[in-house]
Protein backbone atom coordinates (compact mmCIF):
# COMPACT_ATOMS: atom_id res chain seq x y z
CA MET A 1 -4.64 -23.29 13.75
CA ASN A 2 -3.00 -25.29 16.51
CA CYS A 3 -5.25 -25.69 19.52
CA PRO A 4 -3.30 -27.01 22.52
CA SER A 5 -4.98 -29.89 24.29
CA SER A 6 -5.18 -27.97 27.56
CA LEU A 7 -6.98 -24.93 26.21
CA LEU A 8 -10.49 -23.94 25.22
CA LEU A 9 -10.42 -21.15 22.65
CA LEU A 10 -13.33 -18.91 21.72
CA LEU A 11 -13.00 -16.41 18.91
CA LEU A 12 -15.19 -13.31 18.90
CA GLY A 13 -16.34 -11.68 15.69
CA LEU A 14 -17.76 -8.41 16.96
CA SER A 15 -18.90 -5.19 15.34
CA LEU A 16 -16.42 -3.01 17.21
CA HIS A 17 -13.42 -4.50 15.43
CA SER A 18 -14.23 -4.89 11.80
CA ALA A 19 -11.01 -4.54 9.85
CA CYS A 20 -10.25 -8.19 9.37
CA ILE A 21 -11.12 -11.79 10.06
CA THR A 22 -8.43 -13.10 12.38
CA ARG A 23 -5.86 -15.49 11.08
CA ALA A 24 -7.20 -18.04 13.50
CA ASN A 25 -10.39 -18.08 11.48
CA VAL A 26 -8.42 -18.48 8.27
CA ALA A 27 -6.43 -21.30 9.78
CA GLY A 28 -9.67 -22.97 10.78
CA GLN A 29 -10.80 -22.87 7.19
CA HIS A 30 -7.61 -24.46 6.00
CA GLY A 31 -7.60 -26.93 8.84
CA SER A 32 -11.06 -28.12 7.97
CA GLN A 33 -9.61 -29.59 4.81
CA ASP A 34 -7.03 -31.63 6.65
CA GLY A 35 -9.21 -34.51 7.69
CA GLY A 36 -12.66 -35.99 8.10
CA HIS A 37 -15.32 -34.83 10.51
CA GLU A 38 -18.30 -36.05 12.42
CA SER A 39 -21.24 -34.05 13.66
CA LEU A 40 -21.81 -33.33 17.34
CA VAL A 41 -24.62 -31.59 19.18
CA VAL A 42 -24.55 -29.56 22.40
CA GLU A 43 -27.28 -27.76 24.31
CA THR A 44 -26.62 -24.14 25.29
CA THR A 45 -28.86 -21.64 27.05
CA SER A 46 -29.89 -20.47 23.59
CA GLY A 47 -30.70 -23.89 22.18
CA LEU A 48 -29.23 -26.98 20.55
CA MET A 49 -26.45 -26.56 18.01
CA ARG A 50 -24.40 -28.84 15.85
CA GLY A 51 -20.66 -28.45 15.36
CA LEU A 52 -17.94 -30.45 13.67
CA SER A 53 -15.04 -32.58 14.80
CA ARG A 54 -12.00 -31.53 12.76
CA THR A 55 -8.45 -32.65 12.29
CA VAL A 56 -6.30 -29.52 12.39
CA LEU A 57 -2.54 -30.01 12.05
CA ASP A 58 -2.79 -33.55 13.43
CA ARG A 59 -4.91 -32.42 16.40
CA GLU A 60 -8.56 -33.33 16.89
CA VAL A 61 -10.74 -30.36 17.85
CA HIS A 62 -14.45 -29.71 18.08
CA VAL A 63 -15.42 -26.60 16.13
CA PHE A 64 -18.57 -24.49 16.34
CA TYR A 65 -18.66 -21.70 13.74
CA GLY A 66 -21.05 -18.75 13.77
CA VAL A 67 -22.66 -19.17 17.18
CA PRO A 68 -25.11 -16.26 17.64
CA PHE A 69 -25.19 -14.51 21.01
CA ALA A 70 -27.18 -11.38 20.06
CA LYS A 71 -29.97 -10.36 17.75
CA PRO A 72 -28.60 -8.99 14.45
CA PRO A 73 -28.01 -5.22 14.94
CA VAL A 74 -29.94 -4.23 11.82
CA GLY A 75 -32.93 -2.01 11.08
CA PRO A 76 -34.33 -0.50 14.30
CA LEU A 77 -31.56 -2.20 16.34
CA ARG A 78 -28.75 -0.33 14.56
CA PHE A 79 -26.85 1.98 16.98
CA ARG A 80 -28.62 0.42 19.99
CA LYS A 81 -27.29 -1.81 22.74
CA PRO A 82 -27.29 -5.45 21.64
CA LEU A 83 -30.19 -7.66 22.68
CA PRO A 84 -29.61 -11.29 23.67
CA ILE A 85 -30.37 -13.84 21.00
CA GLU A 86 -33.77 -15.43 21.46
CA PRO A 87 -33.72 -19.19 22.03
CA TRP A 88 -34.19 -21.12 18.83
CA HIS A 89 -36.07 -24.33 18.16
CA GLY A 90 -34.53 -27.35 16.57
CA ILE A 91 -30.78 -27.72 15.99
CA LEU A 92 -28.67 -24.80 14.76
CA ASN A 93 -25.96 -25.82 12.29
CA ALA A 94 -22.78 -24.14 13.56
CA THR A 95 -20.67 -25.52 10.73
CA THR A 96 -19.79 -22.55 8.49
CA LEU A 97 -17.82 -19.37 9.12
CA PRO A 98 -20.06 -16.35 9.89
CA ASN A 99 -20.23 -12.97 8.19
CA SER A 100 -17.46 -10.44 8.61
CA CYS A 101 -18.62 -7.11 10.02
CA TYR A 102 -19.18 -4.31 7.53
CA GLN A 103 -15.94 -2.58 6.56
CA GLU A 104 -13.85 -1.20 3.76
CA ARG A 105 -11.13 -3.38 2.31
CA TYR A 106 -7.45 -2.45 2.41
CA GLU A 107 -6.61 -1.73 -1.22
CA TYR A 108 -3.60 0.55 -1.09
CA PHE A 109 -1.51 -2.19 -2.69
CA PRO A 110 -3.91 -4.30 -4.82
CA GLY A 111 -3.01 -7.97 -4.93
CA PHE A 112 -0.26 -7.64 -2.32
CA GLU A 113 -0.38 -10.61 0.06
CA GLY A 114 0.88 -8.66 3.05
CA GLU A 115 -2.20 -6.43 2.88
CA GLU A 116 -4.75 -8.88 1.49
CA MET A 117 -4.24 -11.30 4.39
CA TRP A 118 -6.06 -8.87 6.71
CA ASN A 119 -9.08 -8.35 4.45
CA PRO A 120 -12.31 -10.24 5.22
CA ASN A 121 -12.58 -13.73 3.81
CA THR A 122 -16.34 -14.12 4.26
CA ASN A 123 -19.39 -12.09 3.26
CA ILE A 124 -19.55 -8.66 4.94
CA SER A 125 -22.73 -7.71 6.74
CA GLU A 126 -24.05 -5.82 9.75
CA ASP A 127 -25.35 -9.20 10.88
CA CYS A 128 -22.02 -10.27 12.35
CA LEU A 129 -22.44 -10.87 16.08
CA TYR A 130 -21.24 -14.46 16.27
CA LEU A 131 -18.71 -16.61 18.10
CA ASN A 132 -16.35 -19.22 16.69
CA ILE A 133 -15.58 -21.84 19.34
CA TRP A 134 -12.71 -24.32 19.33
CA VAL A 135 -12.68 -27.11 21.92
CA PRO A 136 -9.94 -29.73 22.45
CA GLN A 137 -11.27 -33.12 21.39
CA LYS A 138 -10.41 -34.72 24.72
CA LEU A 139 -12.92 -32.53 26.58
CA ARG A 140 -16.34 -34.02 27.23
CA LEU A 141 -19.04 -31.86 25.71
CA ARG A 142 -22.26 -31.69 27.68
CA HIS A 143 -25.68 -31.73 26.12
CA LYS A 144 -26.86 -29.41 28.86
CA GLU A 145 -25.81 -27.98 32.19
CA SER A 146 -26.86 -30.04 35.19
CA PRO A 147 -26.57 -29.38 38.94
CA ASP A 148 -24.08 -32.25 39.18
CA ASN A 149 -21.67 -30.39 36.90
CA VAL A 150 -21.69 -27.02 38.62
CA GLY A 151 -18.88 -27.81 41.02
CA ASN A 152 -16.63 -29.51 38.48
CA ASN A 153 -13.57 -27.65 37.32
CA GLY A 154 -13.25 -27.02 33.60
CA MET A 155 -10.52 -25.84 31.28
CA ALA A 156 -9.22 -22.30 31.06
CA ILE A 157 -10.81 -20.22 28.30
CA LEU A 158 -9.11 -17.75 25.98
CA VAL A 159 -11.38 -15.23 24.24
CA TRP A 160 -9.87 -13.40 21.26
CA VAL A 161 -10.91 -9.89 20.19
CA TYR A 162 -9.30 -8.92 16.91
CA GLY A 163 -7.94 -5.49 16.09
CA GLY A 164 -8.67 -3.07 13.29
CA GLY A 165 -9.20 0.41 14.63
CA PHE A 166 -12.77 0.10 16.02
CA MET A 167 -14.04 0.62 12.48
CA SER A 168 -17.77 -0.04 12.65
CA GLY A 169 -19.14 3.47 12.60
CA THR A 170 -21.32 3.37 15.71
CA ALA A 171 -19.52 4.82 18.72
CA THR A 172 -19.53 8.38 17.40
CA LEU A 173 -23.28 8.77 17.81
CA ASP A 174 -23.55 8.42 21.56
CA VAL A 175 -23.59 12.05 22.65
CA TYR A 176 -26.90 13.10 21.14
CA ASP A 177 -29.66 10.90 22.49
CA ARG A 178 -28.83 8.08 24.89
CA LYS A 179 -32.11 6.30 24.27
CA GLU A 180 -31.79 6.37 20.48
CA ALA A 181 -28.03 5.75 20.28
CA PRO A 182 -26.40 5.12 23.67
CA GLY A 183 -22.92 4.65 22.17
CA ASN A 184 -20.00 2.25 22.53
CA MET A 185 -22.01 -0.40 20.70
CA GLY A 186 -19.01 -2.60 19.99
CA LEU A 187 -18.03 -2.76 23.65
CA TRP A 188 -21.61 -3.65 24.57
CA ASP A 189 -21.51 -6.37 21.89
CA GLN A 190 -18.39 -7.80 23.48
CA ALA A 191 -19.88 -7.58 26.97
CA LEU A 192 -22.93 -9.56 25.88
CA ALA A 193 -20.66 -12.17 24.26
CA LEU A 194 -18.65 -12.53 27.47
CA LYS A 195 -21.82 -13.01 29.50
CA TRP A 196 -23.05 -15.67 27.06
CA LEU A 197 -19.71 -17.45 27.35
CA ARG A 198 -19.80 -17.46 31.14
CA GLU A 199 -23.31 -18.91 31.09
CA ASN A 200 -22.33 -21.65 28.64
CA ALA A 201 -18.68 -22.31 29.51
CA ARG A 202 -19.31 -25.68 31.16
CA VAL A 203 -21.27 -26.94 28.16
CA PHE A 204 -17.97 -26.86 26.27
CA GLY A 205 -15.87 -28.15 29.17
CA GLY A 206 -14.66 -24.70 30.22
CA ASP A 207 -14.40 -23.01 33.60
CA PRO A 208 -16.41 -19.75 33.72
CA ASP A 209 -14.07 -18.45 36.42
CA LEU A 210 -10.98 -18.95 34.25
CA ILE A 211 -11.71 -16.67 31.31
CA THR A 212 -8.81 -14.74 29.81
CA ILE A 213 -9.65 -12.14 27.18
CA PHE A 214 -6.87 -11.26 24.77
CA GLY A 215 -6.57 -9.02 21.74
CA GLU A 216 -4.21 -7.16 19.45
CA SER A 217 -4.11 -3.42 18.69
CA ALA A 218 -7.70 -2.13 19.07
CA GLY A 219 -8.45 -5.60 20.43
CA GLY A 220 -5.85 -5.07 23.16
CA SER A 221 -7.35 -1.70 23.96
CA SER A 222 -10.78 -3.35 24.21
CA VAL A 223 -9.36 -5.89 26.64
CA SER A 224 -8.08 -3.13 28.91
CA LEU A 225 -11.45 -1.35 28.78
CA HIS A 226 -13.28 -4.53 29.82
CA LEU A 227 -10.96 -4.91 32.79
CA ILE A 228 -11.97 -1.50 34.18
CA SER A 229 -15.58 -0.98 33.06
CA PRO A 230 -18.21 -1.46 35.79
CA VAL A 231 -20.26 -3.31 33.16
CA THR A 232 -17.74 -6.10 32.55
CA GLN A 233 -15.33 -5.98 35.47
CA GLY A 234 -15.27 -9.41 37.08
CA LEU A 235 -16.42 -11.27 33.97
CA VAL A 236 -12.84 -12.22 33.12
CA ARG A 237 -9.92 -13.35 35.26
CA ARG A 238 -6.97 -12.19 33.17
CA GLY A 239 -6.15 -10.04 30.18
CA ILE A 240 -3.51 -10.17 27.44
CA LEU A 241 -2.91 -6.84 25.71
CA GLN A 242 -0.99 -7.13 22.44
CA SER A 243 0.13 -3.72 21.14
CA GLY A 244 -2.84 -1.80 22.49
CA THR A 245 -3.99 -0.21 25.76
CA LEU A 246 -6.83 2.09 26.75
CA ASN A 247 -4.56 5.10 27.34
CA ALA A 248 -3.10 5.18 23.82
CA PRO A 249 -3.93 8.45 21.98
CA TRP A 250 -6.05 6.52 19.46
CA SER A 251 -7.85 4.30 21.99
CA TYR A 252 -10.80 6.48 23.01
CA MET A 253 -12.17 9.95 22.45
CA THR A 254 -13.83 12.65 24.51
CA GLY A 255 -17.52 13.41 24.27
CA GLU A 256 -16.69 16.67 22.52
CA LYS A 257 -14.72 14.88 19.81
CA ALA A 258 -17.47 12.28 19.39
CA ASN A 259 -20.01 15.11 19.07
CA GLU A 260 -17.98 16.79 16.36
CA MET A 261 -17.39 13.61 14.38
CA ALA A 262 -20.99 12.47 14.67
CA ARG A 263 -22.24 15.71 13.16
CA VAL A 264 -19.92 15.25 10.21
CA LEU A 265 -21.13 11.68 9.69
CA VAL A 266 -24.81 12.65 9.99
CA ASP A 267 -24.44 15.42 7.42
CA ASP A 268 -22.38 13.26 5.05
CA CYS A 269 -25.18 10.68 5.17
CA GLY A 270 -27.76 13.34 4.29
CA CYS A 271 -29.54 13.32 7.65
CA ASN A 272 -29.15 16.99 8.73
CA SER A 273 -27.24 17.37 11.99
CA THR A 274 -28.96 20.70 12.74
CA MET A 275 -32.01 18.64 13.79
CA LEU A 276 -30.11 16.71 16.48
CA GLN A 277 -31.07 18.97 19.37
CA GLU A 278 -34.67 19.49 18.29
CA ASN A 279 -35.56 15.99 17.07
CA PRO A 280 -32.81 13.40 17.63
CA ALA A 281 -35.22 10.50 17.09
CA ARG A 282 -35.95 11.76 13.58
CA VAL A 283 -32.24 12.05 12.80
CA MET A 284 -31.58 8.55 14.11
CA ALA A 285 -34.47 7.17 12.05
CA CYS A 286 -32.80 8.71 9.03
CA MET A 287 -29.42 7.22 9.98
CA ARG A 288 -30.97 3.78 10.42
CA SER A 289 -32.30 4.00 6.88
CA VAL A 290 -28.84 4.69 5.40
CA ASP A 291 -27.33 1.63 3.78
CA ALA A 292 -24.34 0.07 5.55
CA LYS A 293 -21.97 0.72 2.64
CA THR A 294 -22.61 4.46 2.82
CA LEU A 295 -21.98 4.52 6.57
CA SER A 296 -18.80 2.49 6.15
CA VAL A 297 -17.43 4.87 3.52
CA GLN A 298 -18.60 8.20 4.94
CA GLN A 299 -17.16 7.64 8.42
CA TRP A 300 -13.69 8.05 6.93
CA ASN A 301 -14.47 11.72 6.26
CA SER A 302 -13.98 12.31 9.98
CA TYR A 303 -10.65 10.47 10.21
CA TRP A 304 -8.76 12.93 12.40
CA GLY A 305 -5.09 12.32 11.73
CA ILE A 306 -2.69 9.43 12.10
CA LEU A 307 -4.51 6.64 13.97
CA GLY A 308 -7.47 9.01 14.44
CA PHE A 309 -10.10 6.30 14.20
CA PRO A 310 -13.61 7.75 13.81
CA SER A 311 -15.31 4.95 15.75
CA ALA A 312 -13.12 4.78 18.83
CA PRO A 313 -14.87 4.22 22.20
CA THR A 314 -15.99 7.30 24.08
CA ILE A 315 -16.86 8.27 27.64
CA ASP A 316 -20.60 7.55 27.67
CA GLY A 317 -21.38 7.73 31.39
CA VAL A 318 -22.26 4.02 31.59
CA PHE A 319 -19.76 1.64 30.03
CA LEU A 320 -17.08 4.28 30.55
CA PRO A 321 -18.53 6.54 33.25
CA LYS A 322 -15.40 8.70 33.39
CA ASP A 323 -11.88 9.02 32.04
CA PRO A 324 -10.47 5.47 31.69
CA LEU A 325 -7.29 6.37 33.56
CA ASP A 326 -9.38 7.51 36.53
CA LEU A 327 -11.20 4.18 36.41
CA VAL A 328 -7.85 2.37 36.51
CA ARG A 329 -6.84 4.33 39.60
CA GLU A 330 -10.15 3.71 41.37
CA ALA A 331 -11.14 0.18 40.33
CA ASP A 332 -10.99 -2.85 42.62
CA PHE A 333 -9.10 -5.37 40.49
CA LYS A 334 -8.99 -8.12 43.12
CA ASN A 335 -6.99 -10.96 41.51
CA THR A 336 -6.87 -9.56 37.98
CA GLU A 337 -3.58 -10.16 36.15
CA ILE A 338 -2.36 -8.80 32.83
CA LEU A 339 0.23 -9.67 30.22
CA ILE A 340 1.32 -6.80 27.97
CA GLY A 341 3.56 -6.93 24.93
CA ASN A 342 4.65 -5.03 21.89
CA ASN A 343 6.63 -5.68 18.74
CA GLU A 344 10.12 -4.48 17.95
CA ASN A 345 11.17 -2.29 15.07
CA GLU A 346 14.35 -0.23 15.29
CA GLU A 347 13.07 2.10 17.98
CA ARG A 348 14.80 3.32 21.04
CA HIS A 349 13.19 4.45 24.25
CA PHE A 350 13.69 7.84 25.85
CA PHE A 351 12.05 10.18 28.25
CA LEU A 352 9.54 12.07 26.11
CA PRO A 353 8.84 15.77 26.57
CA HIS A 354 6.00 17.48 28.43
CA SER A 355 2.68 15.71 27.82
CA PHE A 356 4.35 12.45 26.86
CA ILE A 357 4.60 9.56 29.31
CA SER A 358 8.07 8.49 30.40
CA CYS A 359 9.24 5.34 28.66
CA LYS A 360 11.16 4.30 31.77
CA ASN A 361 9.74 2.87 34.93
CA ALA A 362 9.82 4.30 38.42
CA SER A 363 13.30 2.91 39.10
CA ASN A 364 14.60 4.65 35.96
CA LYS A 365 15.22 1.33 34.24
CA PRO A 366 14.14 1.03 30.61
CA ASN A 367 11.14 -1.11 29.83
CA PHE A 368 11.97 -3.17 26.77
CA ILE A 369 8.63 -3.03 25.03
CA LYS A 370 8.54 -1.60 21.51
CA ILE A 371 6.45 -1.58 18.38
CA GLY A 372 7.16 -0.60 14.80
CA GLY A 373 5.69 2.73 13.84
CA THR A 374 6.59 2.13 10.22
CA TYR A 375 3.33 0.33 9.43
CA PHE A 376 1.25 3.37 10.26
CA ILE A 377 3.44 6.05 8.72
CA LEU A 378 3.42 4.02 5.51
CA TYR A 379 -0.37 4.27 5.28
CA ASP A 380 -0.86 7.79 6.64
CA PHE A 381 1.98 9.30 4.60
CA ILE A 382 1.85 6.96 1.66
CA ASP A 383 3.32 9.55 -0.74
CA PHE A 384 6.49 9.80 1.36
CA PHE A 385 7.34 6.10 1.70
CA GLU A 386 7.75 2.95 -0.36
CA LYS A 387 6.67 -0.38 1.05
CA ASP A 388 9.52 -2.42 -0.44
CA GLN A 389 12.53 -0.38 0.61
CA ALA A 390 13.59 2.34 3.00
CA SER A 391 12.86 5.85 1.75
CA PHE A 392 15.15 8.87 1.82
CA LEU A 393 13.29 11.44 3.88
CA ASP A 394 14.74 14.92 3.54
CA ARG A 395 14.58 17.32 6.45
CA ASP A 396 11.64 19.31 5.09
CA LYS A 397 9.52 16.16 4.81
CA PHE A 398 10.64 15.14 8.30
CA PHE A 399 9.39 18.49 9.68
CA ASN A 400 6.19 18.17 7.64
CA ILE A 401 5.36 14.80 9.17
CA ILE A 402 6.14 15.97 12.71
CA ASN A 403 3.94 19.04 12.31
CA THR A 404 1.12 16.93 10.86
CA ILE A 405 1.14 14.24 13.55
CA PHE A 406 1.50 16.69 16.43
CA LYS A 407 -0.45 19.62 15.00
CA ASN A 408 -2.36 20.04 18.27
CA MET A 409 0.80 20.40 20.31
CA SER A 410 2.61 23.65 20.93
CA GLN A 411 5.59 24.68 18.85
CA ILE A 412 7.94 24.17 21.79
CA GLU A 413 6.66 20.61 22.24
CA ARG A 414 7.21 19.81 18.58
CA GLU A 415 10.70 21.28 18.76
CA ALA A 416 11.43 19.15 21.82
CA ILE A 417 10.38 16.02 19.91
CA ILE A 418 12.60 16.95 16.98
CA PHE A 419 15.52 17.62 19.30
CA GLN A 420 15.06 14.34 21.17
CA TYR A 421 14.92 12.12 18.09
CA THR A 422 17.38 13.82 15.76
CA ASP A 423 20.80 12.26 15.28
CA TRP A 424 22.72 15.52 15.18
CA ASP A 425 25.77 13.84 13.71
CA GLN A 426 23.66 12.74 10.71
CA VAL A 427 21.10 15.50 10.49
CA ASN A 428 20.96 15.36 6.68
CA ASP A 429 20.82 11.57 6.45
CA GLY A 430 17.37 10.96 4.96
CA TYR A 431 17.35 7.30 5.97
CA GLN A 432 18.08 8.27 9.56
CA ASN A 433 15.20 10.75 9.39
CA GLN A 434 12.91 7.92 8.27
CA ARG A 435 14.01 5.77 11.21
CA ALA A 436 13.47 8.68 13.59
CA ILE A 437 9.88 9.10 12.41
CA ALA A 438 9.27 5.40 12.99
CA ASP A 439 10.71 5.74 16.50
CA ILE A 440 8.50 8.72 17.28
CA VAL A 441 5.32 7.05 16.05
CA GLY A 442 6.10 3.83 17.90
CA ASP A 443 6.94 5.60 21.16
CA TYR A 444 4.01 8.00 21.21
CA PHE A 445 1.24 5.71 20.06
CA PHE A 446 2.32 2.38 21.57
CA ILE A 447 5.42 2.07 23.77
CA CYS A 448 4.76 4.83 26.26
CA PRO A 449 1.04 4.08 26.68
CA SER A 450 1.86 0.40 27.31
CA THR A 451 4.51 1.30 29.87
CA HIS A 452 2.28 3.79 31.63
CA PHE A 453 -0.68 1.39 31.75
CA ALA A 454 1.52 -1.38 33.13
CA GLN A 455 2.87 0.94 35.80
CA LEU A 456 -0.63 2.03 36.83
CA PHE A 457 -1.71 -1.60 37.18
CA ALA A 458 1.44 -2.50 39.12
CA ASP A 459 0.91 0.47 41.43
CA ARG A 460 -2.48 -1.03 42.33
CA GLY A 461 -0.74 -4.21 43.47
CA MET A 462 -1.67 -6.30 40.44
CA LYS A 463 0.65 -8.79 38.75
CA VAL A 464 1.91 -7.44 35.43
CA TYR A 465 3.97 -9.39 32.89
CA TYR A 466 5.70 -8.26 29.71
CA TYR A 467 6.80 -9.84 26.48
CA PHE A 468 8.93 -8.28 23.75
CA PHE A 469 8.52 -9.71 20.26
CA THR A 470 11.61 -9.39 18.05
CA GLN A 471 11.17 -12.10 15.40
CA ARG A 472 11.31 -10.89 11.80
CA THR A 473 9.42 -13.71 10.09
CA SER A 474 11.27 -15.37 7.22
CA THR A 475 8.10 -15.44 5.10
CA ASN A 476 7.30 -11.74 5.66
CA VAL A 477 6.47 -10.18 2.28
CA TRP A 478 6.87 -6.57 3.45
CA GLY A 479 10.16 -4.79 2.81
CA LYS A 480 12.93 -5.48 5.31
CA TRP A 481 12.95 -1.82 6.32
CA MET A 482 9.52 -2.40 7.92
CA GLY A 483 11.16 -4.52 10.61
CA VAL A 484 9.02 -6.48 13.07
CA MET A 485 5.63 -5.05 12.28
CA HIS A 486 2.41 -4.37 14.10
CA GLY A 487 0.51 -7.65 14.21
CA ASP A 488 3.45 -9.89 13.28
CA GLU A 489 3.11 -11.87 16.50
CA VAL A 490 -0.49 -12.94 15.79
CA GLU A 491 0.46 -15.79 13.45
CA TYR A 492 2.73 -17.22 16.16
CA VAL A 493 0.05 -17.01 18.84
CA PHE A 494 -2.34 -18.96 16.60
CA GLY A 495 0.18 -21.54 15.44
CA HIS A 496 0.58 -20.75 11.75
CA PRO A 497 4.27 -21.76 11.72
CA LEU A 498 3.18 -25.25 12.83
CA ASN A 499 1.55 -25.82 9.46
CA LYS A 500 4.24 -27.82 7.66
CA SER A 501 2.90 -26.82 4.26
CA LEU A 502 4.03 -23.25 4.97
CA GLU A 503 7.68 -22.24 4.63
CA TYR A 504 8.52 -21.28 8.20
CA THR A 505 11.87 -22.14 9.78
CA ASP A 506 12.35 -24.62 12.61
CA ASN A 507 13.18 -21.73 14.94
CA GLU A 508 9.92 -20.03 14.03
CA ARG A 509 7.96 -23.21 14.68
CA ASP A 510 9.66 -23.52 18.06
CA LEU A 511 8.86 -19.89 18.87
CA SER A 512 5.20 -20.44 17.99
CA LEU A 513 5.01 -23.48 20.27
CA ARG A 514 6.56 -21.52 23.12
CA MET A 515 4.20 -18.57 22.67
CA ILE A 516 1.18 -20.88 22.66
CA HIS A 517 2.51 -22.51 25.82
CA TYR A 518 3.13 -19.17 27.57
CA PHE A 519 -0.30 -17.79 26.68
CA SER A 520 -2.11 -20.96 27.73
CA ARG A 521 -0.20 -21.23 31.01
CA PHE A 522 -0.96 -17.59 31.75
CA ALA A 523 -4.65 -18.32 31.16
CA TYR A 524 -4.43 -21.17 33.68
CA THR A 525 -2.18 -19.90 36.42
CA GLY A 526 -1.26 -16.29 35.69
C-alpha cells in the first residue's frame, strides 16, 4: 500500500462488513516484506502498544495491526452492543494482522484469482473488532496525550470501512427484544471504533476534528448512515461513498422484513421462533449457543433476491430512529461534505418509471455516475451467464430475470422497465438483452440511489462532489464483457498500481497517484 506522507490512514475490520479483508490489508502484508523494521511504542487510552516501522513501496510508515477497541463479541456478548475494550497492562504487540470476521468464502469459481482476491487472508473468527493503523513516518508519535498537545493541529485521518453486503448475521435479530439483541450491531461496532479513534487521534499525530470516513459498496452505505445517525453524527467531518448509499434498495430493511428474516434464522438454527414473544431471553440464549459457522451458513436461507442481504441495517429506533431518508431531510449537517462516485460499465442513464428515482438532476442534466451491474447478475443468475465472455440472452430469459428482480413490482411497472431498456431495433439480439439487464441492475441498485442521495444532500446546502471511474484495468482477470466492475477502483485508492512488481501500466500508476491525491486533499480541505 502507498501511504502518502500527508495522510494518516486507519483501517477498520468490523463485524458488519465481513466479506473480505481489504486490499489495503493485503498490501500491508506484502509491504512488510519490503524492508527492515524497528519496534515503537505508543500509549493510548486503552494502554501501551507496540507497532512496527515498515518500508512500503519506498515509503517509511509506522504500522499498528490488530488494535482492539471493543471486547470480543462472543458468548454472552453476541448480538449485543459492543463494550469498550478494558485497559490492558503491559505492552500489547500490535504487529500481526487480526482475525477476519466470520463469513463464507466466495467459491463460485474455485481457484479464480478475480474471486479469491476478496476472500479472507487471515483466520476467521467472531473475535474481529480490531483496527489496523498506518501512520506516515514523519509524524511524531506521542507516548501519551498531554495538555500541551491538545491545541496542536494534527494530520487529517481517513477511516476505511470495507464492503461485503453487511454479512455478519446480527442485524436481523433486533425486532424481538431490545435488551437481548438491540440490533444494528455492526453499526454500533463502527461507532465505538470512531469514538476510540477520536480519543486517540493525537497519539498518532492525527487531528480528531479532521476525520473522513470512506467505504465501498456496503462500506459506502455505512458511511452515509454514520453521517445521519444521532449516535455518530458529528464524529466525522467528511464522507466518501464509493458505490453505495443508504437509500439503495439493498442498504437497509424495514422492521417487518427484519422480523420475518430473523424468524427464519432462529428456526434454521433450531431455536424455535414461536417462543420469541413468550420468552425472547430463552431464544437468544439458544442463539448464543449456536456455533458461528452454523449462523454464517444458515443466514443465507433468508437471502431475499438479488442484493437482498440478510444482515442489512434496520430501523431500530436508536441508531436509526426512523426512515434514513427522513433523517437526511431533518439532520443538521453543519459543515459536513461528501464525495460520491460509481464505476462505469456500459450503462446509460434514463428517467426510470414510477417508484424509481430520476437519474437526472433538477436541471434535467444527466449525472455521469454509473456502476456495472454485470458483477451482481453474474452471481445471482449464474446459470444464465459466463464469466469469461458475453452471453447470448434470449428474450424469454430476459423476461425471466426482469420478473425475478422486480417480482414485488406491479406488472405495469415491469413492462415500463422492459420498454425503457429494450433496443427495439435489435429486440432479438441476445447480447443486447444481456447489456440491457446490466444497465437495469446498475441503474436501479446504484446509479439512481447515488444521484438521489447527492441531490438530497445538496438541497440541504452541503457541498457534494462526484467522481466517475472508467478505467478498465489492464491486469483485470474477469472477462472483458464485465467492463469496469464493482470494486475496481479500490486498488487505485490504495496504491496497488504503484507496486512495480505488479504489471500495471504507466497510465494506471498515474491514475492511482491522482486518486490518492484527490482523496487525501478532500480529507484535508473538502
